[in-house]
Protein backbone atom coordinates (compact mmCIF):
# COMPACT_ATOMS: atom_id res chain seq x y z
CA UNK A 1 -42.04 75.08 20.79
CA UNK A 2 -40.37 72.22 22.76
CA UNK A 3 -36.80 71.89 21.39
CA UNK A 4 -36.34 68.70 19.27
CA UNK A 5 -33.97 66.02 20.55
CA UNK A 6 -33.54 64.16 17.24
CA UNK A 7 -34.85 66.03 14.07
CA UNK A 8 -35.60 64.04 11.04
CA UNK A 9 -33.91 64.17 7.78
CA UNK A 10 -36.80 66.08 6.43
CA UNK A 11 -36.85 68.67 9.33
CA UNK A 12 -33.13 69.03 8.76
CA UNK A 13 -33.52 69.78 5.05
CA UNK A 14 -35.77 72.58 5.94
CA UNK A 15 -33.19 73.86 8.53
CA UNK A 16 -30.49 73.77 5.84
CA UNK A 17 -32.46 75.48 3.08
CA UNK A 18 -33.14 78.37 5.53
CA UNK A 19 -29.41 78.66 6.40
CA UNK A 20 -28.50 78.59 2.76
CA UNK A 21 -30.93 81.52 2.21
CA UNK A 22 -29.38 83.40 5.07
CA UNK A 23 -25.99 82.90 3.84
CA UNK A 24 -26.90 84.02 0.33
CA UNK A 25 -28.15 87.11 1.92
CA UNK A 26 -24.89 87.81 3.47
CA UNK A 27 -26.42 88.12 7.03
CA UNK A 28 -25.24 86.67 10.30
CA UNK A 29 -27.53 84.87 12.67
CA UNK A 30 -27.69 87.79 15.01
CA UNK A 31 -28.73 90.04 11.99
CA UNK A 32 -31.42 87.84 10.98
CA UNK A 33 -32.58 87.50 14.50
CA UNK A 34 -33.00 91.22 14.89
CA UNK A 35 -34.93 91.48 11.41
CA UNK A 36 -37.35 88.61 12.76
CA UNK A 37 -37.59 90.14 16.27
CA UNK A 38 -35.95 87.15 18.08
CA UNK A 39 -32.67 86.25 19.65
CA UNK A 40 -29.70 84.62 17.85
CA UNK A 41 -29.92 81.23 19.52
CA UNK A 42 -33.57 80.93 18.22
CA UNK A 43 -32.27 81.33 14.76
CA UNK A 44 -29.36 78.88 15.41
CA UNK A 45 -31.95 76.23 16.71
CA UNK A 46 -34.20 76.79 13.66
CA UNK A 47 -31.24 76.38 11.32
CA UNK A 48 -30.06 73.26 13.28
CA UNK A 49 -33.47 71.62 12.72
CA UNK A 50 -33.89 71.60 16.82
CA UNK A 51 -36.89 74.12 16.67
CA UNK A 52 -39.66 74.36 14.20
CA UNK A 53 -40.66 77.51 12.31
CA UNK A 54 -44.21 78.64 11.24
CA UNK A 55 -45.12 79.60 7.62
CA UNK A 56 -45.50 83.15 8.68
CA UNK A 57 -42.00 83.15 10.17
CA UNK A 58 -40.33 81.33 7.11
CA UNK A 59 -42.08 83.95 4.61
CA UNK A 60 -40.82 86.89 6.81
CA UNK A 61 -37.25 85.34 6.90
CA UNK A 62 -37.39 84.66 3.02
CA UNK A 63 -38.26 88.38 2.63
CA UNK A 64 -35.65 89.53 4.92
CA UNK A 65 -33.18 87.44 2.93
CA UNK A 66 -34.56 89.08 -0.36
CA UNK A 67 -35.39 85.63 -1.83
CA UNK A 68 -37.34 85.92 -4.94
CA UNK A 69 -37.78 82.42 -5.77
CA UNK A 70 -41.52 82.01 -5.13
CA UNK A 71 -41.56 78.34 -5.95
CA UNK A 72 -38.80 77.55 -3.46
CA UNK A 73 -40.54 79.72 -0.89
CA UNK A 74 -43.99 77.91 -1.27
CA UNK A 75 -42.29 74.55 -1.09
CA UNK A 76 -40.40 75.34 2.07
CA UNK A 77 -43.89 76.92 3.48
CA UNK A 78 -45.60 73.62 2.83
CA UNK A 79 -42.85 71.70 4.74
CA UNK A 80 -43.45 73.95 7.49
CA UNK A 81 -47.16 72.95 7.59
CA UNK A 82 -46.71 69.23 6.97
CA UNK A 83 -47.40 67.37 10.16
CA UNK A 84 -47.73 64.08 8.65
CA UNK A 85 -47.49 61.13 11.08
CA UNK A 86 -46.91 58.46 8.45
CA UNK A 87 -46.82 54.64 9.04
CA UNK A 88 -43.02 54.86 9.59
CA UNK A 89 -43.82 56.41 12.92
CA UNK A 90 -44.81 53.08 14.07
CA UNK A 91 -41.33 51.87 13.97
CA UNK A 92 -39.81 54.81 15.89
CA UNK A 93 -37.79 53.34 18.69
CA UNK A 94 -38.02 50.11 17.15
CA UNK A 95 -35.62 50.72 14.09
CA UNK A 96 -32.66 53.12 13.73
CA UNK A 97 -33.84 56.53 12.55
CA UNK A 98 -32.37 56.32 8.96
CA UNK A 99 -35.05 53.71 8.16
CA UNK A 100 -37.76 56.20 9.18
CA UNK A 101 -36.10 59.09 7.32
CA UNK A 102 -35.87 57.01 4.07
CA UNK A 103 -39.45 56.08 4.26
CA UNK A 104 -40.50 59.70 4.85
CA UNK A 105 -38.29 60.92 1.97
CA UNK A 106 -39.82 58.30 -0.40
CA UNK A 107 -43.37 59.28 0.83
CA UNK A 108 -43.01 62.93 0.04
CA UNK A 109 -40.92 62.51 -3.31
CA UNK A 110 -42.45 63.64 -6.50
CA UNK A 111 -40.63 60.87 -8.40
CA UNK A 112 -37.98 58.45 -7.42
CA UNK A 113 -34.99 56.97 -9.58
CA UNK A 114 -32.73 54.39 -8.34
CA UNK A 115 -29.63 52.62 -9.65
CA UNK A 116 -28.47 49.40 -8.22
CA UNK A 117 -25.61 46.98 -9.39
CA UNK A 118 -25.47 44.09 -6.92
CA UNK A 119 -28.98 43.99 -5.36
CA UNK A 120 -32.48 44.50 -6.61
CA UNK A 121 -33.72 47.88 -5.37
CA UNK A 122 -35.47 47.82 -2.20
CA UNK A 123 -38.83 48.99 -3.43
CA UNK A 124 -38.84 45.96 -5.75
CA UNK A 125 -37.79 43.34 -3.28
CA UNK A 126 -39.95 40.53 -2.27
CA UNK A 127 -40.04 39.27 1.23
CA UNK A 128 -37.72 36.20 0.97
CA UNK A 129 -35.30 38.35 -0.99
CA UNK A 130 -35.42 41.11 1.88
CA UNK A 131 -35.12 38.59 4.51
CA UNK A 132 -32.12 36.93 2.91
CA UNK A 133 -30.36 40.40 2.61
CA UNK A 134 -30.85 41.27 6.17
CA UNK A 135 -29.99 37.80 7.50
CA UNK A 136 -26.43 38.23 5.96
CA UNK A 137 -25.76 41.17 8.10
CA UNK A 138 -22.75 41.02 10.33
CA UNK A 139 -23.37 40.95 13.38
CA UNK A 140 -26.33 38.87 12.85
CA UNK A 141 -29.67 40.56 13.84
CA UNK A 142 -31.98 38.72 16.31
CA UNK A 143 -34.99 37.31 14.45
CA UNK A 144 -37.36 39.99 15.96
CA UNK A 145 -35.17 42.82 14.72
CA UNK A 146 -34.67 41.12 11.47
CA UNK A 147 -38.28 40.70 10.82
CA UNK A 148 -39.05 44.45 11.82
CA UNK A 149 -36.71 45.49 9.00
CA UNK A 150 -38.31 43.09 6.39
CA UNK A 151 -41.80 44.44 7.50
CA UNK A 152 -40.51 48.04 7.11
CA UNK A 153 -38.96 47.42 3.68
CA UNK A 154 -42.26 45.73 2.36
CA UNK A 155 -44.36 48.58 3.63
CA UNK A 156 -42.03 51.12 1.71
CA UNK A 157 -43.48 49.67 -1.35
CA UNK A 158 -46.81 51.44 -0.91
CA UNK A 159 -45.13 54.37 -2.73
CA UNK A 160 -45.22 52.48 -5.87
CA UNK A 161 -49.10 52.75 -5.89
CA UNK A 162 -48.64 56.30 -7.65
CA UNK A 163 -45.26 57.94 -7.45
CA UNK A 164 -43.20 57.60 -10.65
CA UNK A 165 -40.34 55.07 -10.11
CA UNK A 166 -37.46 54.46 -12.58
CA UNK A 167 -35.17 51.65 -11.63
CA UNK A 168 -31.82 51.13 -13.43
CA UNK A 169 -30.58 47.53 -12.52
CA UNK A 170 -27.14 46.00 -13.55
CA UNK A 171 -27.62 42.39 -15.05
CA UNK A 172 -25.14 41.22 -12.05
CA UNK A 173 -27.96 42.03 -9.64
CA UNK A 174 -30.44 39.71 -11.62
CA UNK A 175 -28.05 36.96 -11.66
CA UNK A 176 -26.64 36.99 -8.17
CA UNK A 177 -28.85 34.54 -5.93
CA UNK A 178 -29.11 36.34 -2.79
CA UNK A 179 -31.68 33.78 -1.73
CA UNK A 180 -32.38 30.16 -3.07
CA UNK A 181 -33.17 29.50 -6.71
CA UNK A 182 -36.93 29.38 -6.18
CA UNK A 183 -37.08 32.62 -4.34
CA UNK A 184 -34.63 34.23 -6.84
CA UNK A 185 -36.98 33.17 -9.78
CA UNK A 186 -39.86 34.62 -7.89
CA UNK A 187 -37.88 37.86 -7.23
CA UNK A 188 -37.26 38.46 -10.90
CA UNK A 189 -40.97 37.62 -11.61
CA UNK A 190 -41.90 40.22 -9.06
CA UNK A 191 -39.62 42.81 -10.86
CA UNK A 192 -41.38 41.97 -14.16
CA UNK A 193 -44.76 42.10 -12.84
CA UNK A 194 -44.25 45.44 -10.92
CA UNK A 195 -42.70 47.07 -14.09
CA UNK A 196 -46.15 46.69 -15.69
CA UNK A 197 -47.54 49.58 -13.75
CA UNK A 198 -47.76 52.78 -15.69
CA UNK A 199 -45.68 54.65 -13.22
CA UNK A 200 -42.85 52.13 -13.01
CA UNK A 201 -39.91 51.76 -15.52
CA UNK A 202 -37.18 49.28 -15.17
CA UNK A 203 -34.08 49.32 -17.36
CA UNK A 204 -31.20 46.81 -17.26
CA UNK A 205 -27.54 47.48 -17.95
CA UNK A 206 -26.44 44.25 -19.48
CA UNK A 207 -22.94 42.38 -19.04
CA UNK A 208 -22.42 42.90 -22.74
CA UNK A 209 -22.43 46.75 -22.51
CA UNK A 210 -18.88 47.99 -23.42
CA UNK A 211 -17.19 50.78 -21.76
CA UNK A 212 -19.20 50.78 -18.66
CA UNK A 213 -17.37 52.05 -15.67
CA UNK A 214 -20.14 53.16 -13.59
CA UNK A 215 -20.58 50.16 -11.21
CA UNK A 216 -19.79 52.37 -8.23
CA UNK A 217 -22.75 54.66 -8.96
CA UNK A 218 -25.59 53.16 -6.90
CA UNK A 219 -28.11 55.81 -5.57
CA UNK A 220 -31.74 56.64 -4.93
CA UNK A 221 -32.69 60.17 -6.40
CA UNK A 222 -35.79 61.58 -4.75
CA UNK A 223 -37.47 64.52 -6.56
CA UNK A 224 -38.66 67.40 -4.49
CA UNK A 225 -41.44 69.71 -5.06
CA UNK A 226 -38.91 72.07 -6.86
CA UNK A 227 -35.60 70.70 -8.14
CA UNK A 228 -33.72 72.62 -5.43
CA UNK A 229 -35.30 70.33 -2.84
CA UNK A 230 -34.20 67.18 -4.66
CA UNK A 231 -32.35 64.63 -2.59
CA UNK A 232 -30.00 61.82 -3.33
CA UNK A 233 -29.19 58.96 -0.81
CA UNK A 234 -26.03 57.04 -1.23
CA UNK A 235 -24.97 53.98 1.07
CA UNK A 236 -21.48 54.46 2.48
CA UNK A 237 -19.24 52.68 5.00
CA UNK A 238 -20.81 54.74 7.90
CA UNK A 239 -24.37 54.68 6.71
CA UNK A 240 -26.48 56.49 4.15
CA UNK A 241 -25.51 60.04 3.11
CA UNK A 242 -28.08 62.42 2.00
CA UNK A 243 -26.82 64.71 -0.58
CA UNK A 244 -28.65 68.00 -1.49
CA UNK A 245 -26.09 70.64 -2.55
CA UNK A 246 -26.77 71.96 -6.02
CA UNK A 247 -23.46 71.20 -7.39
CA UNK A 248 -23.58 67.44 -6.48
CA UNK A 249 -27.13 67.21 -7.52
CA UNK A 250 -26.33 68.38 -11.01
CA UNK A 251 -23.40 65.93 -11.24
CA UNK A 252 -25.56 63.03 -10.10
CA UNK A 253 -28.25 64.14 -12.64
CA UNK A 254 -25.56 63.54 -15.19
CA UNK A 255 -24.45 60.33 -13.86
CA UNK A 256 -27.98 58.96 -13.93
CA UNK A 257 -28.12 60.07 -17.56
CA UNK A 258 -24.99 58.08 -18.43
CA UNK A 259 -26.40 54.99 -16.58
CA UNK A 260 -29.58 55.27 -18.50
CA UNK A 261 -27.75 55.59 -21.78
CA UNK A 262 -25.74 52.49 -20.78
CA UNK A 263 -29.06 50.56 -20.27
CA UNK A 264 -31.43 48.55 -22.49
CA UNK A 265 -34.90 50.10 -23.33
CA UNK A 266 -37.73 48.84 -21.05
CA UNK A 267 -38.92 46.15 -23.57
CA UNK A 268 -35.51 44.80 -24.18
CA UNK A 269 -34.86 44.86 -20.20
CA UNK A 270 -37.93 42.80 -19.71
CA UNK A 271 -36.71 40.35 -22.27
CA UNK A 272 -33.43 39.96 -20.47
CA UNK A 273 -35.13 39.61 -17.00
CA UNK A 274 -37.23 36.88 -18.59
CA UNK A 275 -34.22 35.13 -19.91
CA UNK A 276 -32.41 35.32 -16.81
CA UNK A 277 -35.36 33.94 -14.67
CA UNK A 278 -35.86 31.06 -17.11
CA UNK A 279 -32.01 30.21 -16.57
CA UNK A 280 -32.58 29.66 -12.99
């Protein structure tokens, strides 16, 4: 198989999990290669996401590593067989790779949970709202590149057709007029409309909530086929960070529970969103 030049986040995740299994077994890459009947550089390339691995080899590696977690092994095996060329591939070489990685992550997620405090979550944004967000970028984007980002964001919304999505939004994000008054009102009405779907839940953290110190906790939590394959995406000064270690995932699940505890129930959240929309 040809060596990959730029592995996707999903391919890297499979590679990371194989490396974790080898580390847990206490084997060096040279020892793992000997058990598999290949050379050490091949193991290194697989664990760097630079080379693919077949289902047969993955299961053999898992056996060599004495991994007894059948659910995890089956989930990883499914990742080796997946050759999905999703709609996001149309944007390859047109948009930075992280845009494609995010769309692919959402496509494969078994559920999605997002917490936002200053912006409406991307999956709930209208065209006007998304355009206003990207237009504020410094340095400014050429109009063609800006429109590509807007189109990509709107196409990501396809996952709302069936994937369970829970959004926690702070009241601040509802009141900040990212675009003009009419478009801001339309954005809130869009949130209300989408929240009527059976698979979508929207909760709002009101300004009136006392003792809330979680405003720096924005994240997108994507559920994997098994919990060990969950992923959290957090924006940082150097771009998006993909978090997948067991300890960090446990901490972020706890953080999400705290945010949910601080939020209104879905019905009261809808009432608040309606009230804010009428005030615009």
